[in-house]
mmCIF file of all heavy atoms, coordinates in Angstrom:
data_MODEL
# 
_entry.id   MODEL 
# 
loop_
_atom_site.group_PDB 
_atom_site.id 
_atom_site.type_symbol 
_atom_site.label_atom_id 
_atom_site.label_alt_id 
_atom_site.label_comp_id 
_atom_site.label_asym_id 
_atom_site.label_entity_id 
_atom_site.label_seq_id 
_atom_site.pdbx_PDB_ins_code 
_atom_site.Cartn_x 
_atom_site.Cartn_y 
_atom_site.Cartn_z 
_atom_site.occupancy 
_atom_site.B_iso_or_equiv 
_atom_site.pdbx_formal_charge 
_atom_site.auth_seq_id 
_atom_site.auth_comp_id 
_atom_site.auth_asym_id 
_atom_site.auth_atom_id 
_atom_site.pdbx_PDB_model_num 
ATOM 1   N N   . GLU A 1 1  ? -46.559 161.658 105.702 1.00 0.00 ? 1  GLU A N   1 
ATOM 2   C CA  . GLU A 1 1  ? -45.985 161.937 107.011 1.00 0.00 ? 1  GLU A CA  1 
ATOM 3   C C   . GLU A 1 1  ? -44.563 162.438 106.839 1.00 0.00 ? 1  GLU A C   1 
ATOM 4   O O   . GLU A 1 1  ? -43.896 162.128 105.852 1.00 0.00 ? 1  GLU A O   1 
ATOM 5   C CB  . GLU A 1 1  ? -45.989 160.674 107.874 1.00 0.00 ? 1  GLU A CB  1 
ATOM 6   C CG  . GLU A 1 1  ? -47.382 160.192 108.198 1.00 0.00 ? 1  GLU A CG  1 
ATOM 7   C CD  . GLU A 1 1  ? -47.372 158.961 109.083 1.00 0.00 ? 1  GLU A CD  1 
ATOM 8   O OE1 . GLU A 1 1  ? -46.295 158.537 109.539 1.00 0.00 ? 1  GLU A OE1 1 
ATOM 9   O OE2 . GLU A 1 1  ? -48.462 158.412 109.323 1.00 0.00 ? 1  GLU A OE2 1 
ATOM 10  N N   . ALA A 1 2  ? -44.113 163.236 107.833 1.00 0.00 ? 2  ALA A N   1 
ATOM 11  C CA  . ALA A 1 2  ? -42.754 163.784 107.801 1.00 0.00 ? 2  ALA A CA  1 
ATOM 12  C C   . ALA A 1 2  ? -42.324 164.120 109.224 1.00 0.00 ? 2  ALA A C   1 
ATOM 13  O O   . ALA A 1 2  ? -43.141 164.175 110.146 1.00 0.00 ? 2  ALA A O   1 
ATOM 14  C CB  . ALA A 1 2  ? -42.705 165.034 106.930 1.00 0.00 ? 2  ALA A CB  1 
ATOM 15  N N   . VAL A 1 3  ? -41.038 164.364 109.370 1.00 0.00 ? 3  VAL A N   1 
ATOM 16  C CA  . VAL A 1 3  ? -40.469 164.783 110.652 1.00 0.00 ? 3  VAL A CA  1 
ATOM 17  C C   . VAL A 1 3  ? -40.213 166.284 110.556 1.00 0.00 ? 3  VAL A C   1 
ATOM 18  O O   . VAL A 1 3  ? -39.637 166.762 109.566 1.00 0.00 ? 3  VAL A O   1 
ATOM 19  C CB  . VAL A 1 3  ? -39.155 164.017 110.944 1.00 0.00 ? 3  VAL A CB  1 
ATOM 20  C CG1 . VAL A 1 3  ? -38.509 164.533 112.212 1.00 0.00 ? 3  VAL A CG1 1 
ATOM 21  C CG2 . VAL A 1 3  ? -39.425 162.534 111.021 1.00 0.00 ? 3  VAL A CG2 1 
ATOM 22  N N   . LEU A 1 4  ? -40.636 167.022 111.575 1.00 0.00 ? 4  LEU A N   1 
ATOM 23  C CA  . LEU A 1 4  ? -40.462 168.473 111.575 1.00 0.00 ? 4  LEU A CA  1 
ATOM 24  C C   . LEU A 1 4  ? -38.989 168.846 111.712 1.00 0.00 ? 4  LEU A C   1 
ATOM 25  O O   . LEU A 1 4  ? -38.341 168.453 112.696 1.00 0.00 ? 4  LEU A O   1 
ATOM 26  C CB  . LEU A 1 4  ? -41.239 169.110 112.724 1.00 0.00 ? 4  LEU A CB  1 
ATOM 27  C CG  . LEU A 1 4  ? -42.757 169.105 112.630 1.00 0.00 ? 4  LEU A CG  1 
ATOM 28  C CD1 . LEU A 1 4  ? -43.352 169.632 113.929 1.00 0.00 ? 4  LEU A CD1 1 
ATOM 29  C CD2 . LEU A 1 4  ? -43.215 169.926 111.451 1.00 0.00 ? 4  LEU A CD2 1 
ATOM 30  N N   . PRO A 1 5  ? -38.442 169.620 110.782 1.00 0.00 ? 5  PRO A N   1 
ATOM 31  C CA  . PRO A 1 5  ? -37.059 170.065 110.920 1.00 0.00 ? 5  PRO A CA  1 
ATOM 32  C C   . PRO A 1 5  ? -36.941 171.228 111.906 1.00 0.00 ? 5  PRO A C   1 
ATOM 33  O O   . PRO A 1 5  ? -35.878 171.492 112.452 1.00 0.00 ? 5  PRO A O   1 
ATOM 34  C CB  . PRO A 1 5  ? -36.681 170.507 109.516 1.00 0.00 ? 5  PRO A CB  1 
ATOM 35  C CG  . PRO A 1 5  ? -37.971 170.900 108.882 1.00 0.00 ? 5  PRO A CG  1 
ATOM 36  C CD  . PRO A 1 5  ? -39.014 170.019 109.499 1.00 0.00 ? 5  PRO A CD  1 
ATOM 37  N N   . GLU A 1 6  ? -38.047 171.919 112.112 1.00 0.00 ? 6  GLU A N   1 
ATOM 38  C CA  . GLU A 1 6  ? -38.102 173.037 113.060 1.00 0.00 ? 6  GLU A CA  1 
ATOM 39  C C   . GLU A 1 6  ? -39.451 172.984 113.751 1.00 0.00 ? 6  GLU A C   1 
ATOM 40  O O   . GLU A 1 6  ? -40.401 172.407 113.225 1.00 0.00 ? 6  GLU A O   1 
ATOM 41  C CB  . GLU A 1 6  ? -37.882 174.372 112.346 1.00 0.00 ? 6  GLU A CB  1 
ATOM 42  C CG  . GLU A 1 6  ? -38.883 174.659 111.243 1.00 0.00 ? 6  GLU A CG  1 
ATOM 43  C CD  . GLU A 1 6  ? -38.543 175.905 110.443 1.00 0.00 ? 6  GLU A CD  1 
ATOM 44  O OE1 . GLU A 1 6  ? -37.440 175.979 109.888 1.00 0.00 ? 6  GLU A OE1 1 
ATOM 45  O OE2 . GLU A 1 6  ? -39.404 176.801 110.396 1.00 0.00 ? 6  GLU A OE2 1 
ATOM 46  N N   . PRO A 1 7  ? -39.582 173.574 114.936 1.00 0.00 ? 7  PRO A N   1 
ATOM 47  C CA  . PRO A 1 7  ? -40.845 173.460 115.678 1.00 0.00 ? 7  PRO A CA  1 
ATOM 48  C C   . PRO A 1 7  ? -41.985 174.257 115.033 1.00 0.00 ? 7  PRO A C   1 
ATOM 49  O O   . PRO A 1 7  ? -41.762 175.190 114.271 1.00 0.00 ? 7  PRO A O   1 
ATOM 50  C CB  . PRO A 1 7  ? -40.500 174.042 117.053 1.00 0.00 ? 7  PRO A CB  1 
ATOM 51  C CG  . PRO A 1 7  ? -39.330 174.925 116.822 1.00 0.00 ? 7  PRO A CG  1 
ATOM 52  C CD  . PRO A 1 7  ? -38.571 174.341 115.671 1.00 0.00 ? 7  PRO A CD  1 
ATOM 53  N N   . ILE A 1 8  ? -43.193 173.843 115.374 1.00 0.00 ? 8  ILE A N   1 
ATOM 54  C CA  . ILE A 1 8  ? -44.374 174.630 115.026 1.00 0.00 ? 8  ILE A CA  1 
ATOM 55  C C   . ILE A 1 8  ? -44.646 175.522 116.223 1.00 0.00 ? 8  ILE A C   1 
ATOM 56  O O   . ILE A 1 8  ? -44.860 175.038 117.337 1.00 0.00 ? 8  ILE A O   1 
ATOM 57  C CB  . ILE A 1 8  ? -45.598 173.727 114.743 1.00 0.00 ? 8  ILE A CB  1 
ATOM 58  C CG1 . ILE A 1 8  ? -45.339 172.807 113.554 1.00 0.00 ? 8  ILE A CG1 1 
ATOM 59  C CG2 . ILE A 1 8  ? -46.841 174.574 114.500 1.00 0.00 ? 8  ILE A CG2 1 
ATOM 60  C CD1 . ILE A 1 8  ? -46.486 171.839 113.267 1.00 0.00 ? 8  ILE A CD1 1 
ATOM 61  N N   . ARG A 1 9  ? -44.606 176.837 115.994 1.00 0.00 ? 9  ARG A N   1 
ATOM 62  C CA  . ARG A 1 9  ? -44.831 177.814 117.071 1.00 0.00 ? 9  ARG A CA  1 
ATOM 63  C C   . ARG A 1 9  ? -46.032 178.681 116.721 1.00 0.00 ? 9  ARG A C   1 
ATOM 64  O O   . ARG A 1 9  ? -46.136 179.154 115.591 1.00 0.00 ? 9  ARG A O   1 
ATOM 65  C CB  . ARG A 1 9  ? -43.598 178.709 117.239 1.00 0.00 ? 9  ARG A CB  1 
ATOM 66  C CG  . ARG A 1 9  ? -42.408 177.978 117.798 1.00 0.00 ? 9  ARG A CG  1 
ATOM 67  C CD  . ARG A 1 9  ? -41.297 178.950 118.154 1.00 0.00 ? 9  ARG A CD  1 
ATOM 68  N NE  . ARG A 1 9  ? -40.133 178.208 118.573 1.00 0.00 ? 9  ARG A NE  1 
ATOM 69  C CZ  . ARG A 1 9  ? -38.952 178.268 117.981 1.00 0.00 ? 9  ARG A CZ  1 
ATOM 70  N NH1 . ARG A 1 9  ? -38.767 179.051 116.949 1.00 0.00 ? 9  ARG A NH1 1 
ATOM 71  N NH2 . ARG A 1 9  ? -37.950 177.548 118.425 1.00 0.00 ? 9  ARG A NH2 1 
ATOM 72  N N   . GLN A 1 10 ? -46.880 178.880 117.682 1.00 0.00 ? 10 GLN A N   1 
ATOM 73  C CA  . GLN A 1 10 ? -48.091 179.682 117.512 1.00 0.00 ? 10 GLN A CA  1 
ATOM 74  C C   . GLN A 1 10 ? -48.906 179.184 116.321 1.00 0.00 ? 10 GLN A C   1 
ATOM 75  O O   . GLN A 1 10 ? -49.491 179.960 115.566 1.00 0.00 ? 10 GLN A O   1 
ATOM 76  C CB  . GLN A 1 10 ? -47.742 181.166 117.367 1.00 0.00 ? 10 GLN A CB  1 
ATOM 77  C CG  . GLN A 1 10 ? -47.066 181.722 118.591 1.00 0.00 ? 10 GLN A CG  1 
ATOM 78  C CD  . GLN A 1 10 ? -46.679 183.179 118.408 1.00 0.00 ? 10 GLN A CD  1 
ATOM 79  O OE1 . GLN A 1 10 ? -46.746 183.727 117.312 1.00 0.00 ? 10 GLN A OE1 1 
ATOM 80  N NE2 . GLN A 1 10 ? -46.283 183.802 119.506 1.00 0.00 ? 10 GLN A NE2 1 
ATOM 81  N N   . GLY A 1 11 ? -48.880 177.868 116.119 1.00 0.00 ? 11 GLY A N   1 
ATOM 82  C CA  . GLY A 1 11 ? -49.719 177.250 115.103 1.00 0.00 ? 11 GLY A CA  1 
ATOM 83  C C   . GLY A 1 11 ? -49.162 177.246 113.699 1.00 0.00 ? 11 GLY A C   1 
ATOM 84  O O   . GLY A 1 11 ? -49.822 176.738 112.786 1.00 0.00 ? 11 GLY A O   1 
ATOM 85  N N   . THR A 1 12 ? -47.960 177.811 113.482 1.00 0.00 ? 12 THR A N   1 
ATOM 86  C CA  . THR A 1 12 ? -47.411 177.836 112.123 1.00 0.00 ? 12 THR A CA  1 
ATOM 87  C C   . THR A 1 12 ? -45.962 177.354 112.108 1.00 0.00 ? 12 THR A C   1 
ATOM 88  O O   . THR A 1 12 ? -45.249 177.453 113.107 1.00 0.00 ? 12 THR A O   1 
ATOM 89  C CB  . THR A 1 12 ? -47.466 179.246 111.498 1.00 0.00 ? 12 THR A CB  1 
ATOM 90  O OG1 . THR A 1 12 ? -46.666 180.129 112.275 1.00 0.00 ? 12 THR A OG1 1 
ATOM 91  C CG2 . THR A 1 12 ? -48.888 179.767 111.409 1.00 0.00 ? 12 THR A CG2 1 
ATOM 92  N N   . GLY A 1 13 ? -45.558 176.869 110.967 1.00 0.00 ? 13 GLY A N   1 
ATOM 93  C CA  . GLY A 1 13 ? -44.188 176.416 110.778 1.00 0.00 ? 13 GLY A CA  1 
ATOM 94  C C   . GLY A 1 13 ? -43.927 176.162 109.308 1.00 0.00 ? 13 GLY A C   1 
ATOM 95  O O   . GLY A 1 13 ? -44.697 176.584 108.440 1.00 0.00 ? 13 GLY A O   1 
ATOM 96  N N   . ARG A 1 14 ? -42.813 175.453 109.046 1.00 0.00 ? 14 ARG A N   1 
ATOM 97  C CA  . ARG A 1 14 ? -42.454 175.135 107.665 1.00 0.00 ? 14 ARG A CA  1 
ATOM 98  C C   . ARG A 1 14 ? -42.029 173.677 107.593 1.00 0.00 ? 14 ARG A C   1 
ATOM 99  O O   . ARG A 1 14 ? -41.490 173.124 108.557 1.00 0.00 ? 14 ARG A O   1 
ATOM 100 C CB  . ARG A 1 14 ? -41.313 176.017 107.174 1.00 0.00 ? 14 ARG A CB  1 
ATOM 101 C CG  . ARG A 1 14 ? -41.698 177.494 107.121 1.00 0.00 ? 14 ARG A CG  1 
ATOM 102 C CD  . ARG A 1 14 ? -40.644 178.345 106.515 1.00 0.00 ? 14 ARG A CD  1 
ATOM 103 N NE  . ARG A 1 14 ? -39.366 178.166 107.227 1.00 0.00 ? 14 ARG A NE  1 
ATOM 104 C CZ  . ARG A 1 14 ? -38.255 178.762 106.881 1.00 0.00 ? 14 ARG A CZ  1 
ATOM 105 N NH1 . ARG A 1 14 ? -38.227 179.569 105.860 1.00 0.00 ? 14 ARG A NH1 1 
ATOM 106 N NH2 . ARG A 1 14 ? -37.135 178.556 107.562 1.00 0.00 ? 14 ARG A NH2 1 
ATOM 107 N N   . LEU A 1 15 ? -42.270 173.092 106.424 1.00 0.00 ? 15 LEU A N   1 
ATOM 108 C CA  . LEU A 1 15 ? -41.939 171.688 106.221 1.00 0.00 ? 15 LEU A CA  1 
ATOM 109 C C   . LEU A 1 15 ? -41.607 171.478 104.748 1.00 0.00 ? 15 LEU A C   1 
ATOM 110 O O   . LEU A 1 15 ? -42.280 172.029 103.881 1.00 0.00 ? 15 LEU A O   1 
ATOM 111 C CB  . LEU A 1 15 ? -43.129 170.817 106.629 1.00 0.00 ? 15 LEU A CB  1 
ATOM 112 C CG  . LEU A 1 15 ? -42.981 169.312 106.555 1.00 0.00 ? 15 LEU A CG  1 
ATOM 113 C CD1 . LEU A 1 15 ? -41.857 168.828 107.480 1.00 0.00 ? 15 LEU A CD1 1 
ATOM 114 C CD2 . LEU A 1 15 ? -44.282 168.642 106.932 1.00 0.00 ? 15 LEU A CD2 1 
ATOM 115 N N   . ARG A 1 16 ? -40.588 170.683 104.479 1.00 0.00 ? 16 ARG A N   1 
ATOM 116 C CA  . ARG A 1 16 ? -40.185 170.416 103.099 1.00 0.00 ? 16 ARG A CA  1 
ATOM 117 C C   . ARG A 1 16 ? -40.692 169.040 102.670 1.00 0.00 ? 16 ARG A C   1 
ATOM 118 O O   . ARG A 1 16 ? -40.474 168.044 103.346 1.00 0.00 ? 16 ARG A O   1 
ATOM 119 C CB  . ARG A 1 16 ? -38.667 170.462 102.961 1.00 0.00 ? 16 ARG A CB  1 
ATOM 120 C CG  . ARG A 1 16 ? -38.195 170.235 101.520 1.00 0.00 ? 16 ARG A CG  1 
ATOM 121 C CD  . ARG A 1 16 ? -36.710 170.442 101.351 1.00 0.00 ? 16 ARG A CD  1 
ATOM 122 N NE  . ARG A 1 16 ? -36.279 171.797 101.630 1.00 0.00 ? 16 ARG A NE  1 
ATOM 123 C CZ  . ARG A 1 16 ? -36.375 172.823 100.778 1.00 0.00 ? 16 ARG A CZ  1 
ATOM 124 N NH1 . ARG A 1 16 ? -36.896 172.634 99.593  1.00 0.00 ? 16 ARG A NH1 1 
ATOM 125 N NH2 . ARG A 1 16 ? -35.947 174.014 101.117 1.00 0.00 ? 16 ARG A NH2 1 
ATOM 126 N N   . PHE A 1 17 ? -41.402 169.027 101.544 1.00 0.00 ? 17 PHE A N   1 
ATOM 127 C CA  . PHE A 1 17 ? -41.769 167.790 100.873 1.00 0.00 ? 17 PHE A CA  1 
ATOM 128 C C   . PHE A 1 17 ? -41.135 167.830 99.496  1.00 0.00 ? 17 PHE A C   1 
ATOM 129 O O   . PHE A 1 17 ? -41.356 168.771 98.730  1.00 0.00 ? 17 PHE A O   1 
ATOM 130 C CB  . PHE A 1 17 ? -43.295 167.655 100.722 1.00 0.00 ? 17 PHE A CB  1 
ATOM 131 C CG  . PHE A 1 17 ? -43.976 167.136 101.952 1.00 0.00 ? 17 PHE A CG  1 
ATOM 132 C CD1 . PHE A 1 17 ? -44.792 167.970 102.696 1.00 0.00 ? 17 PHE A CD1 1 
ATOM 133 C CD2 . PHE A 1 17 ? -43.813 165.826 102.354 1.00 0.00 ? 17 PHE A CD2 1 
ATOM 134 C CE1 . PHE A 1 17 ? -45.427 167.501 103.825 1.00 0.00 ? 17 PHE A CE1 1 
ATOM 135 C CE2 . PHE A 1 17 ? -44.446 165.352 103.479 1.00 0.00 ? 17 PHE A CE2 1 
ATOM 136 C CZ  . PHE A 1 17 ? -45.250 166.194 104.222 1.00 0.00 ? 17 PHE A CZ  1 
ATOM 137 N N   . ASP A 1 18 ? -40.342 166.829 99.201  1.00 0.00 ? 18 ASP A N   1 
ATOM 138 C CA  . ASP A 1 18 ? -39.633 166.742 97.928  1.00 0.00 ? 18 ASP A CA  1 
ATOM 139 C C   . ASP A 1 18 ? -38.790 167.999 97.741  1.00 0.00 ? 18 ASP A C   1 
ATOM 140 O O   . ASP A 1 18 ? -37.919 168.265 98.539  1.00 0.00 ? 18 ASP A O   1 
ATOM 141 C CB  . ASP A 1 18 ? -40.604 166.485 96.780  1.00 0.00 ? 18 ASP A CB  1 
ATOM 142 C CG  . ASP A 1 18 ? -41.407 165.202 96.998  1.00 0.00 ? 18 ASP A CG  1 
ATOM 143 O OD1 . ASP A 1 18 ? -40.823 164.226 97.517  1.00 0.00 ? 18 ASP A OD1 1 
ATOM 144 O OD2 . ASP A 1 18 ? -42.608 165.189 96.667  1.00 0.00 ? 18 ASP A OD2 1 
ATOM 145 N N   . ASP A 1 19 ? -39.088 168.807 96.725  1.00 0.00 ? 19 ASP A N   1 
ATOM 146 C CA  . ASP A 1 19 ? -38.268 169.996 96.474  1.00 0.00 ? 19 ASP A CA  1 
ATOM 147 C C   . ASP A 1 19 ? -38.993 171.290 96.811  1.00 0.00 ? 19 ASP A C   1 
ATOM 148 O O   . ASP A 1 19 ? -38.593 172.355 96.379  1.00 0.00 ? 19 ASP A O   1 
ATOM 149 C CB  . ASP A 1 19 ? -37.809 170.012 95.018  1.00 0.00 ? 19 ASP A CB  1 
ATOM 150 C CG  . ASP A 1 19 ? -38.967 170.098 94.036  1.00 0.00 ? 19 ASP A CG  1 
ATOM 151 O OD1 . ASP A 1 19 ? -40.118 169.900 94.464  1.00 0.00 ? 19 ASP A OD1 1 
ATOM 152 O OD2 . ASP A 1 19 ? -38.724 170.362 92.852  1.00 0.00 ? 19 ASP A OD2 1 
ATOM 153 N N   . THR A 1 20 ? -40.072 171.198 97.599  1.00 0.00 ? 20 THR A N   1 
ATOM 154 C CA  . THR A 1 20 ? -40.876 172.383 97.904  1.00 0.00 ? 20 THR A CA  1 
ATOM 155 C C   . THR A 1 20 ? -40.951 172.597 99.412  1.00 0.00 ? 20 THR A C   1 
ATOM 156 O O   . THR A 1 20 ? -41.210 171.667 100.165 1.00 0.00 ? 20 THR A O   1 
ATOM 157 C CB  . THR A 1 20 ? -42.297 172.229 97.333  1.00 0.00 ? 20 THR A CB  1 
ATOM 158 O OG1 . THR A 1 20 ? -42.197 171.950 95.940  1.00 0.00 ? 20 THR A OG1 1 
ATOM 159 C CG2 . THR A 1 20 ? -43.110 173.494 97.541  1.00 0.00 ? 20 THR A CG2 1 
ATOM 160 N N   . LEU A 1 21 ? -40.759 173.839 99.819  1.00 0.00 ? 21 LEU A N   1 
ATOM 161 C CA  . LEU A 1 21 ? -40.896 174.224 101.225 1.00 0.00 ? 21 LEU A CA  1 
ATOM 162 C C   . LEU A 1 21 ? -42.309 174.768 101.415 1.00 0.00 ? 21 LEU A C   1 
ATOM 163 O O   . LEU A 1 21 ? -42.702 175.740 100.767 1.00 0.00 ? 21 LEU A O   1 
ATOM 164 C CB  . LEU A 1 21 ? -39.852 175.282 101.588 1.00 0.00 ? 21 LEU A CB  1 
ATOM 165 C CG  . LEU A 1 21 ? -39.780 175.673 103.054 1.00 0.00 ? 21 LEU A CG  1 
ATOM 166 C CD1 . LEU A 1 21 ? -39.360 174.465 103.897 1.00 0.00 ? 21 LEU A CD1 1 
ATOM 167 C CD2 . LEU A 1 21 ? -38.788 176.804 103.246 1.00 0.00 ? 21 LEU A CD2 1 
ATOM 168 N N   . TRP A 1 22 ? -43.077 174.110 102.283 1.00 0.00 ? 22 TRP A N   1 
ATOM 169 C CA  . TRP A 1 22 ? -44.472 174.466 102.503 1.00 0.00 ? 22 TRP A CA  1 
ATOM 170 C C   . TRP A 1 22 ? -44.641 175.150 103.852 1.00 0.00 ? 22 TRP A C   1 
ATOM 171 O O   . TRP A 1 22 ? -43.980 174.812 104.813 1.00 0.00 ? 22 TRP A O   1 
ATOM 172 C CB  . TRP A 1 22 ? -45.334 173.202 102.517 1.00 0.00 ? 22 TRP A CB  1 
ATOM 173 C CG  . TRP A 1 22 ? -45.392 172.486 101.216 1.00 0.00 ? 22 TRP A CG  1 
ATOM 174 C CD1 . TRP A 1 22 ? -44.539 171.526 100.777 1.00 0.00 ? 22 TRP A CD1 1 
ATOM 175 C CD2 . TRP A 1 22 ? -46.355 172.665 100.191 1.00 0.00 ? 22 TRP A CD2 1 
ATOM 176 N NE1 . TRP A 1 22 ? -44.913 171.090 99.534  1.00 0.00 ? 22 TRP A NE1 1 
ATOM 177 C CE2 . TRP A 1 22 ? -46.029 171.781 99.158  1.00 0.00 ? 22 TRP A CE2 1 
ATOM 178 C CE3 . TRP A 1 22 ? -47.467 173.488 100.041 1.00 0.00 ? 22 TRP A CE3 1 
ATOM 179 C CZ2 . TRP A 1 22 ? -46.770 171.687 97.991  1.00 0.00 ? 22 TRP A CZ2 1 
ATOM 180 C CZ3 . TRP A 1 22 ? -48.214 173.392 98.883  1.00 0.00 ? 22 TRP A CZ3 1 
ATOM 181 C CH2 . TRP A 1 22 ? -47.861 172.508 97.869  1.00 0.00 ? 22 TRP A CH2 1 
ATOM 182 N N   . ARG A 1 23 ? -45.579 176.094 103.900 1.00 0.00 ? 23 ARG A N   1 
ATOM 183 C CA  . ARG A 1 23 ? -46.023 176.628 105.182 1.00 0.00 ? 23 ARG A CA  1 
ATOM 184 C C   . ARG A 1 23 ? -47.009 175.625 105.743 1.00 0.00 ? 23 ARG A C   1 
ATOM 185 O O   . ARG A 1 23 ? -47.817 175.061 105.019 1.00 0.00 ? 23 ARG A O   1 
ATOM 186 C CB  . ARG A 1 23 ? -46.701 177.975 104.999 1.00 0.00 ? 23 ARG A CB  1 
ATOM 187 C CG  . ARG A 1 23 ? -45.709 179.083 104.698 1.00 0.00 ? 23 ARG A CG  1 
ATOM 188 C CD  . ARG A 1 23 ? -46.345 180.474 104.664 1.00 0.00 ? 23 ARG A CD  1 
ATOM 189 N NE  . ARG A 1 23 ? -47.330 180.663 105.700 1.00 0.00 ? 23 ARG A NE  1 
ATOM 190 C CZ  . ARG A 1 23 ? -48.487 181.300 105.521 1.00 0.00 ? 23 ARG A CZ  1 
ATOM 191 N NH1 . ARG A 1 23 ? -48.789 181.811 104.360 1.00 0.00 ? 23 ARG A NH1 1 
ATOM 192 N NH2 . ARG A 1 23 ? -49.343 181.444 106.516 1.00 0.00 ? 23 ARG A NH2 1 
ATOM 193 N N   . ILE A 1 24 ? -46.935 175.403 107.059 1.00 0.00 ? 24 ILE A N   1 
ATOM 194 C CA  . ILE A 1 24 ? -47.842 174.453 107.692 1.00 0.00 ? 24 ILE A CA  1 
ATOM 195 C C   . ILE A 1 24 ? -48.542 175.100 108.870 1.00 0.00 ? 24 ILE A C   1 
ATOM 196 O O   . ILE A 1 24 ? -48.048 176.059 109.463 1.00 0.00 ? 24 ILE A O   1 
ATOM 197 C CB  . ILE A 1 24 ? -47.105 173.166 108.150 1.00 0.00 ? 24 ILE A CB  1 
ATOM 198 C CG1 . ILE A 1 24 ? -45.974 173.496 109.138 1.00 0.00 ? 24 ILE A CG1 1 
ATOM 199 C CG2 . ILE A 1 24 ? -46.574 172.393 106.959 1.00 0.00 ? 24 ILE A CG2 1 
ATOM 200 C CD1 . ILE A 1 24 ? -45.337 172.264 109.756 1.00 0.00 ? 24 ILE A CD1 1 
ATOM 201 N N   . GLU A 1 25 ? -49.713 174.572 109.186 1.00 0.00 ? 25 GLU A N   1 
ATOM 202 C CA  . GLU A 1 25 ? -50.484 174.987 110.358 1.00 0.00 ? 25 GLU A CA  1 
ATOM 203 C C   . GLU A 1 25 ? -50.837 173.740 111.141 1.00 0.00 ? 25 GLU A C   1 
ATOM 204 O O   . GLU A 1 25 ? -51.163 172.710 110.553 1.00 0.00 ? 25 GLU A O   1 
ATOM 205 C CB  . GLU A 1 25 ? -51.772 175.703 109.949 1.00 0.00 ? 25 GLU A CB  1 
ATOM 206 C CG  . GLU A 1 25 ? -51.563 177.055 109.340 1.00 0.00 ? 25 GLU A CG  1 
ATOM 207 C CD  . GLU A 1 25 ? -52.883 177.721 108.962 1.00 0.00 ? 25 GLU A CD  1 
ATOM 208 O OE1 . GLU A 1 25 ? -53.936 177.039 108.976 1.00 0.00 ? 25 GLU A OE1 1 
ATOM 209 O OE2 . GLU A 1 25 ? -52.853 178.908 108.644 1.00 0.00 ? 25 GLU A OE2 1 
ATOM 210 N N   . GLY A 1 26 ? -50.757 173.845 112.442 1.00 0.00 ? 26 GLY A N   1 
ATOM 211 C CA  . GLY A 1 26 ? -51.098 172.723 113.297 1.00 0.00 ? 26 GLY A CA  1 
ATOM 212 C C   . GLY A 1 26 ? -50.801 173.051 114.741 1.00 0.00 ? 26 GLY A C   1 
ATOM 213 O O   . GLY A 1 26 ? -50.436 174.185 115.078 1.00 0.00 ? 26 GLY A O   1 
# 
């Protein structure tokens, strides 16, 4: 689990886990 640093818009966004920035869908 994590807290979104920026919103998910149109089903996509970004999220950082450890030292990697991941693209996310939701």
